[in-house]
């Protein structure tokens, strides 16, 4: 799946942000508007449970600004 790399990067960025801010999973869930088990899945890297859209939405709520770079395959 082509979006796996982007999803992985977003998951890593979100997990790092949660660690930097010192949030518990419960705090992160409340701040990001999701359940604590959802944060657990995120921090454990369960990539198959997250769509690219869901991760972009979480990143926006967290104050991150994802950027897409398109590279020609030619």
N, C-alpha and C. Protein backbone atom coordinates (compact mmCIF):
# COMPACT_ATOMS: atom_id res chain seq x y z
N UNK A 1 0.85 -1.19 0.00
CA UNK A 1 0.00 0.00 0.00
C UNK A 1 0.89 1.25 0.00
N UNK A 2 0.64 2.12 -0.92
CA UNK A 2 1.48 3.31 -1.10
C UNK A 2 1.44 4.26 0.09
N UNK A 3 0.34 4.27 0.81
CA UNK A 3 0.23 5.21 1.93
C UNK A 3 0.90 4.72 3.20
N UNK A 4 1.45 3.51 3.20
CA UNK A 4 2.04 2.95 4.42
C UNK A 4 3.18 3.83 4.96
N UNK A 5 4.01 4.35 4.07
CA UNK A 5 5.12 5.20 4.52
C UNK A 5 4.62 6.48 5.17
N UNK A 6 3.63 7.10 4.56
CA UNK A 6 3.07 8.33 5.12
C UNK A 6 2.38 8.05 6.45
N UNK A 7 1.65 6.95 6.52
CA UNK A 7 0.98 6.59 7.77
C UNK A 7 2.00 6.34 8.87
N UNK A 8 3.06 5.63 8.53
CA UNK A 8 4.11 5.33 9.52
C UNK A 8 4.74 6.62 10.04
N UNK A 9 5.06 7.54 9.14
CA UNK A 9 5.66 8.82 9.56
C UNK A 9 4.73 9.61 10.47
N UNK A 10 3.45 9.65 10.12
CA UNK A 10 2.49 10.38 10.95
C UNK A 10 2.33 9.73 12.32
N UNK A 11 2.28 8.41 12.35
CA UNK A 11 2.16 7.71 13.63
C UNK A 11 3.37 8.00 14.52
N UNK A 12 4.55 7.97 13.93
CA UNK A 12 5.77 8.24 14.69
C UNK A 12 5.77 9.68 15.21
N UNK A 13 5.34 10.62 14.37
CA UNK A 13 5.31 12.02 14.78
C UNK A 13 4.31 12.23 15.92
N UNK A 14 3.15 11.61 15.82
CA UNK A 14 2.15 11.75 16.88
C UNK A 14 2.61 11.10 18.18
N UNK A 15 3.19 9.92 18.09
CA UNK A 15 3.70 9.24 19.29
C UNK A 15 4.80 10.07 19.94
N UNK A 16 5.68 10.66 19.13
CA UNK A 16 6.76 11.50 19.66
C UNK A 16 6.19 12.74 20.34
N UNK A 17 5.18 13.34 19.75
CA UNK A 17 4.55 14.51 20.35
C UNK A 17 3.94 14.17 21.71
N UNK A 18 3.27 13.04 21.78
CA UNK A 18 2.67 12.60 23.05
C UNK A 18 3.75 12.41 24.11
N UNK A 19 4.86 11.79 23.74
CA UNK A 19 5.98 11.60 24.68
C UNK A 19 6.57 12.93 25.11
N UNK A 20 6.84 13.82 24.14
CA UNK A 20 7.44 15.13 24.45
C UNK A 20 6.58 15.94 25.41
N UNK A 21 5.30 15.87 25.22
CA UNK A 21 4.40 16.65 26.08
C UNK A 21 4.13 15.96 27.41
N UNK A 22 4.61 14.74 27.55
CA UNK A 22 4.46 14.02 28.81
C UNK A 22 3.04 13.59 29.11
N UNK A 23 2.23 13.43 28.06
CA UNK A 23 0.84 13.04 28.25
C UNK A 23 0.73 11.55 28.53
N UNK A 24 -0.17 11.20 29.42
CA UNK A 24 -0.55 9.80 29.56
C UNK A 24 -1.44 9.47 28.36
N UNK A 25 -1.70 8.19 28.17
CA UNK A 25 -2.61 7.82 27.07
C UNK A 25 -3.99 8.42 27.29
N UNK A 26 -4.41 8.46 28.54
CA UNK A 26 -5.73 9.04 28.85
C UNK A 26 -5.76 10.53 28.51
N UNK A 27 -4.70 11.25 28.88
CA UNK A 27 -4.62 12.69 28.57
C UNK A 27 -4.58 12.91 27.06
N UNK A 28 -3.76 12.14 26.37
CA UNK A 28 -3.65 12.28 24.92
C UNK A 28 -5.00 12.03 24.26
N UNK A 29 -5.70 11.00 24.72
CA UNK A 29 -7.01 10.68 24.16
C UNK A 29 -7.98 11.85 24.34
N UNK A 30 -8.00 12.42 25.53
CA UNK A 30 -8.90 13.55 25.80
C UNK A 30 -8.55 14.75 24.93
N UNK A 31 -7.28 15.04 24.81
CA UNK A 31 -6.84 16.21 24.04
C UNK A 31 -7.06 16.03 22.53
N UNK A 32 -6.94 14.79 22.06
CA UNK A 32 -7.06 14.53 20.62
C UNK A 32 -8.46 14.07 20.22
N UNK A 33 -9.33 13.88 21.19
CA UNK A 33 -10.72 13.53 20.88
C UNK A 33 -10.93 12.10 20.43
N UNK A 34 -10.12 11.19 20.95
CA UNK A 34 -10.27 9.77 20.64
C UNK A 34 -10.24 8.98 21.94
N UNK A 35 -10.44 7.67 21.84
CA UNK A 35 -10.42 6.83 23.04
C UNK A 35 -8.99 6.49 23.46
N UNK A 36 -8.84 6.11 24.72
CA UNK A 36 -7.52 5.68 25.21
C UNK A 36 -7.02 4.45 24.45
N UNK A 37 -7.88 3.46 24.17
CA UNK A 37 -7.39 2.32 23.38
C UNK A 37 -6.87 2.73 21.99
N UNK A 38 -7.47 3.77 21.43
CA UNK A 38 -7.01 4.26 20.11
C UNK A 38 -5.60 4.83 20.24
N UNK A 39 -5.31 5.55 21.31
CA UNK A 39 -3.97 6.08 21.55
C UNK A 39 -3.00 4.92 21.77
N UNK A 40 -3.43 3.90 22.48
CA UNK A 40 -2.60 2.72 22.69
C UNK A 40 -2.22 2.09 21.35
N UNK A 41 -3.20 1.94 20.46
CA UNK A 41 -2.93 1.39 19.13
C UNK A 41 -1.92 2.26 18.38
N UNK A 42 -2.07 3.56 18.50
CA UNK A 42 -1.17 4.50 17.83
C UNK A 42 0.26 4.35 18.35
N UNK A 43 0.41 4.36 19.67
CA UNK A 43 1.76 4.32 20.24
C UNK A 43 2.41 2.95 20.08
N UNK A 44 1.62 1.92 19.86
CA UNK A 44 2.17 0.58 19.61
C UNK A 44 2.44 0.33 18.13
N UNK A 45 2.13 1.33 17.31
CA UNK A 45 2.45 1.23 15.88
C UNK A 45 1.55 0.30 15.10
N UNK A 46 0.32 0.15 15.52
CA UNK A 46 -0.62 -0.73 14.81
C UNK A 46 -1.16 -0.03 13.57
N UNK A 47 -0.29 0.08 12.59
CA UNK A 47 -0.55 0.86 11.38
C UNK A 47 -1.79 0.40 10.63
N UNK A 48 -2.07 -0.89 10.67
CA UNK A 48 -3.20 -1.43 9.92
C UNK A 48 -4.55 -0.91 10.43
N UNK A 49 -4.56 -0.32 11.62
CA UNK A 49 -5.81 0.17 12.20
C UNK A 49 -6.08 1.64 11.90
N UNK A 50 -5.18 2.29 11.16
CA UNK A 50 -5.31 3.73 10.90
C UNK A 50 -5.27 4.03 9.41
N UNK A 51 -6.24 4.80 8.96
CA UNK A 51 -6.20 5.30 7.58
C UNK A 51 -5.34 6.55 7.55
N UNK A 52 -4.89 6.90 6.37
CA UNK A 52 -4.12 8.14 6.22
C UNK A 52 -4.97 9.34 6.63
N UNK A 53 -6.23 9.34 6.24
CA UNK A 53 -7.13 10.45 6.60
C UNK A 53 -7.27 10.60 8.11
N UNK A 54 -7.43 9.48 8.81
CA UNK A 54 -7.57 9.54 10.27
C UNK A 54 -6.32 10.11 10.92
N UNK A 55 -5.16 9.72 10.43
CA UNK A 55 -3.91 10.21 10.99
C UNK A 55 -3.69 11.69 10.69
N UNK A 56 -4.06 12.12 9.49
CA UNK A 56 -3.95 13.55 9.15
C UNK A 56 -4.88 14.36 10.05
N UNK A 57 -6.08 13.85 10.30
CA UNK A 57 -7.01 14.54 11.20
C UNK A 57 -6.44 14.64 12.62
N UNK A 58 -5.89 13.55 13.13
CA UNK A 58 -5.28 13.57 14.47
C UNK A 58 -4.11 14.55 14.52
N UNK A 59 -3.30 14.54 13.48
CA UNK A 59 -2.16 15.45 13.43
C UNK A 59 -2.63 16.91 13.48
N UNK A 60 -3.69 17.22 12.76
CA UNK A 60 -4.22 18.59 12.75
C UNK A 60 -4.71 18.98 14.14
N UNK A 61 -5.42 18.10 14.81
CA UNK A 61 -5.90 18.38 16.16
C UNK A 61 -4.72 18.60 17.10
N UNK A 62 -3.64 17.85 16.88
CA UNK A 62 -2.45 17.96 17.73
C UNK A 62 -1.61 19.19 17.42
N UNK A 63 -1.95 19.90 16.35
CA UNK A 63 -1.18 21.09 15.98
C UNK A 63 -0.02 20.81 15.04
N UNK A 64 0.02 19.61 14.50
CA UNK A 64 1.05 19.27 13.51
C UNK A 64 0.54 19.65 12.12
N UNK A 65 1.46 19.94 11.21
CA UNK A 65 1.09 20.29 9.85
C UNK A 65 1.78 19.36 8.86
N UNK A 66 1.14 18.23 8.54
CA UNK A 66 1.75 17.30 7.58
C UNK A 66 1.90 17.97 6.21
N UNK A 67 2.96 17.58 5.52
CA UNK A 67 3.22 18.11 4.18
C UNK A 67 3.43 16.92 3.24
N UNK A 68 2.87 16.99 2.06
CA UNK A 68 3.03 15.93 1.07
C UNK A 68 4.02 16.40 0.02
N UNK A 69 4.99 15.55 -0.27
CA UNK A 69 5.96 15.84 -1.32
C UNK A 69 5.78 14.81 -2.42
N UNK A 70 5.64 15.28 -3.64
CA UNK A 70 5.47 14.39 -4.78
C UNK A 70 6.77 14.35 -5.56
N UNK A 71 7.28 13.14 -5.77
CA UNK A 71 8.53 12.96 -6.50
C UNK A 71 8.23 12.17 -7.77
N UNK A 72 8.67 12.68 -8.89
CA UNK A 72 8.44 12.01 -10.16
C UNK A 72 9.22 10.70 -10.23
N UNK A 73 8.57 9.68 -10.77
CA UNK A 73 9.22 8.39 -10.92
C UNK A 73 9.97 8.27 -12.23
N UNK A 74 10.10 9.34 -12.97
CA UNK A 74 10.77 9.30 -14.28
C UNK A 74 12.27 9.28 -14.14
